[in-house]
Amino acid sequence: MFESDKIMFEIYRDRHYNEKFHVVYYTELNENNKHVEINRALAGESYFDGFIRDFRKEEAKQIIEDIVKQLNEGVQIDKAQIIEKIKEHIPQ
């Protein structure tokens, strides 16, 4: 697997505005949005970070979005549960 075959992401919690969880896909940011998105994530509280495979990334992103939605609804999801949910999409 090449570096370009995976996507770095982070789930973080906004500590200042609304305390909601968000996800940022770092390796998919472009020059127009990278500084804003990175600064938002850095100002937040990191909850989980890692990589997903580029192959079937839309499926992995949907799982991650569902996790973020559940976290924002108050569902407690720990790091082991996140790994379990996305294990098929994590590079080896």
C-alpha atoms as a PDB file:
ATOM      1  CA  MET A   1       0.000   0.000   0.000  1.00  0.00           C
ATOM      2  CA  PHE A   2       1.312   3.415  -0.974  1.00  0.00           C
ATOM      3  CA  GLU A   3       0.960   6.586   1.137  1.00  0.00           C
ATOM      4  CA  SER A   4      -1.488   7.887  -1.456  1.00  0.00           C
ATOM      5  CA  ASP A   5      -3.698   4.823  -0.962  1.00  0.00           C
ATOM      6  CA  LYS A   6      -4.895   5.939   2.457  1.00  0.00           C
ATOM      7  CA  ILE A   7      -6.707   8.910   3.938  1.00  0.00           C
ATOM      8  CA  MET A   8      -5.785  10.460   7.280  1.00  0.00           C
ATOM      9  CA  PHE A   9      -8.760  11.554   9.374  1.00  0.00           C
ATOM     10  CA  GLU A  10      -9.610  12.800  12.835  1.00  0.00           C
ATOM     11  CA  ILE A  11     -12.790  12.896  14.872  1.00  0.00           C
ATOM     12  CA  TYR A  12     -12.670  15.854  17.222  1.00  0.00           C
ATOM     13  CA  ARG A  13     -14.958  17.764  19.549  1.00  0.00           C
ATOM     14  CA  ASP A  14     -15.446  21.502  19.210  1.00  0.00           C
ATOM     15  CA  ARG A  15     -14.473  22.878  22.626  1.00  0.00           C
ATOM     16  CA  HIS A  16     -15.472  26.481  22.025  1.00  0.00           C
ATOM     17  CA  TYR A  17     -18.648  26.847  20.030  1.00  0.00           C
ATOM     18  CA  ASN A  18     -21.151  24.041  20.432  1.00  0.00           C
ATOM     19  CA  GLU A  19     -19.158  21.056  21.767  1.00  0.00           C
ATOM     20  CA  LYS A  20     -20.289  18.973  18.791  1.00  0.00           C
ATOM     21  CA  PHE A  21     -18.178  16.252  17.242  1.00  0.00           C
ATOM     22  CA  HIS A  22     -16.802  16.707  13.727  1.00  0.00           C
ATOM     23  CA  VAL A  23     -14.584  14.787  11.339  1.00  0.00           C
ATOM     24  CA  VAL A  24     -11.849  16.142   9.102  1.00  0.00           C
ATOM     25  CA  TYR A  25     -10.155  14.184   6.312  1.00  0.00           C
ATOM     26  CA  TYR A  26      -6.722  15.801   6.293  1.00  0.00           C
ATOM     27  CA  THR A  27      -5.339  14.247   3.147  1.00  0.00           C
ATOM     28  CA  GLU A  28      -8.352  15.406   1.135  1.00  0.00           C
ATOM     29  CA  LEU A  29      -8.081  19.082   2.063  1.00  0.00           C
ATOM     30  CA  ASN A  30      -7.099  21.529  -0.634  1.00  0.00           C
ATOM     31  CA  GLU A  31      -5.422  24.931  -0.579  1.00  0.00           C
ATOM     32  CA  ASN A  32      -8.782  26.695  -0.228  1.00  0.00           C
ATOM     33  CA  ASN A  33      -9.887  24.980   2.972  1.00  0.00           C
ATOM     34  CA  LYS A  34      -6.894  23.326   4.609  1.00  0.00           C
ATOM     35  CA  HIS A  35      -5.893  26.152   6.956  1.00  0.00           C
ATOM     36  CA  VAL A  36      -9.423  26.724   8.249  1.00  0.00           C
ATOM     37  CA  GLU A  37     -10.178  23.024   8.742  1.00  0.00           C
ATOM     38  CA  ILE A  38      -6.834  22.238  10.365  1.00  0.00           C
ATOM     39  CA  ASN A  39      -7.181  25.207  12.739  1.00  0.00           C
ATOM     40  CA  ARG A  40     -10.688  24.077  13.716  1.00  0.00           C
ATOM     41  CA  ALA A  41      -9.453  20.583  14.474  1.00  0.00           C
ATOM     42  CA  LEU A  42      -6.432  21.871  16.409  1.00  0.00           C
ATOM     43  CA  ALA A  43      -8.673  24.119  18.515  1.00  0.00           C
ATOM     44  CA  GLY A  44     -10.885  21.132  19.308  1.00  0.00           C
ATOM     45  CA  GLU A  45     -10.373  18.098  21.489  1.00  0.00           C
ATOM     46  CA  SER A  46      -9.110  15.077  19.573  1.00  0.00           C
ATOM     47  CA  TYR A  47     -11.318  12.020  20.068  1.00  0.00           C
ATOM     48  CA  PHE A  48      -9.979   9.539  17.511  1.00  0.00           C
ATOM     49  CA  ASP A  49      -7.605   9.661  14.569  1.00  0.00           C
ATOM     50  CA  GLY A  50      -6.300   7.234  12.050  1.00  0.00           C
ATOM     51  CA  PHE A  51      -6.287   6.191   8.424  1.00  0.00           C
ATOM     52  CA  ILE A  52      -8.797   4.592   6.116  1.00  0.00           C
ATOM     53  CA  ARG A  53      -8.045   2.944   2.779  1.00  0.00           C
ATOM     54  CA  ASP A  54      -8.757   4.995  -0.299  1.00  0.00           C
ATOM     55  CA  PHE A  55     -10.406   1.887  -1.762  1.00  0.00           C
ATOM     56  CA  ARG A  56     -14.118   1.998  -0.810  1.00  0.00           C
ATOM     57  CA  LYS A  57     -13.519   5.276   1.026  1.00  0.00           C
ATOM     58  CA  GLU A  58     -17.114   6.434   0.586  1.00  0.00           C
ATOM     59  CA  GLU A  59     -18.328   3.417   2.557  1.00  0.00           C
ATOM     60  CA  ALA A  60     -15.769   4.128   5.296  1.00  0.00           C
ATOM     61  CA  LYS A  61     -16.714   7.809   5.386  1.00  0.00           C
ATOM     62  CA  GLN A  62     -20.380   6.903   5.812  1.00  0.00           C
ATOM     63  CA  ILE A  63     -19.516   4.721   8.794  1.00  0.00           C
ATOM     64  CA  ILE A  64     -17.453   7.552  10.294  1.00  0.00           C
ATOM     65  CA  GLU A  65     -20.244  10.077   9.675  1.00  0.00           C
ATOM     66  CA  ASP A  66     -22.670   7.719  11.427  1.00  0.00           C
ATOM     67  CA  ILE A  67     -20.278   7.501  14.394  1.00  0.00           C
ATOM     68  CA  VAL A  68     -20.052  11.305  14.568  1.00  0.00           C
ATOM     69  CA  LYS A  69     -23.851  11.579  14.399  1.00  0.00           C
ATOM     70  CA  GLN A  70     -24.260   9.068  17.230  1.00  0.00           C
ATOM     71  CA  LEU A  71     -21.668  10.866  19.359  1.00  0.00           C
ATOM     72  CA  ASN A  72     -23.568  14.123  18.845  1.00  0.00           C
ATOM     73  CA  GLU A  73     -26.762  12.372  19.930  1.00  0.00           C
ATOM     74  CA  GLY A  74     -25.087  11.412  23.207  1.00  0.00           C
ATOM     75  CA  VAL A  75     -24.281   7.794  22.390  1.00  0.00           C
ATOM     76  CA  GLN A  76     -21.071   6.706  24.134  1.00  0.00           C
ATOM     77  CA  ILE A  77     -18.710   5.144  21.600  1.00  0.00           C
ATOM     78  CA  ASP A  78     -15.208   4.323  22.738  1.00  0.00           C
ATOM     79  CA  LYS A  79     -12.114   3.981  20.591  1.00  0.00           C
ATOM     80  CA  ALA A  80     -12.284   0.173  20.514  1.00  0.00           C
ATOM     81  CA  GLN A  81     -15.840   0.375  19.166  1.00  0.00           C
ATOM     82  CA  ILE A  82     -14.758   2.834  16.473  1.00  0.00           C
ATOM     83  CA  ILE A  83     -11.963   0.490  15.392  1.00  0.00           C
ATOM     84  CA  GLU A  84     -14.414  -2.405  15.309  1.00  0.00           C
ATOM     85  CA  LYS A  85     -16.823  -0.434  13.103  1.00  0.00           C
ATOM     86  CA  ILE A  86     -14.170   0.612  10.565  1.00  0.00           C
ATOM     87  CA  LYS A  87     -11.795  -2.372  10.766  1.00  0.00           C
ATOM     88  CA  GLU A  88     -12.502  -3.443   7.161  1.00  0.00           C
ATOM     89  CA  HIS A  89     -11.349   0.003   6.001  1.00  0.00           C
ATOM     90  CA  ILE A  90      -8.166   0.386   8.057  1.00  0.00           C
ATOM     91  CA  PRO A  91      -4.901  -0.172   6.151  1.00  0.00           C
ATOM     92  CA  GLN A  92      -2.764  -3.041   7.415  1.00  0.00           C
END
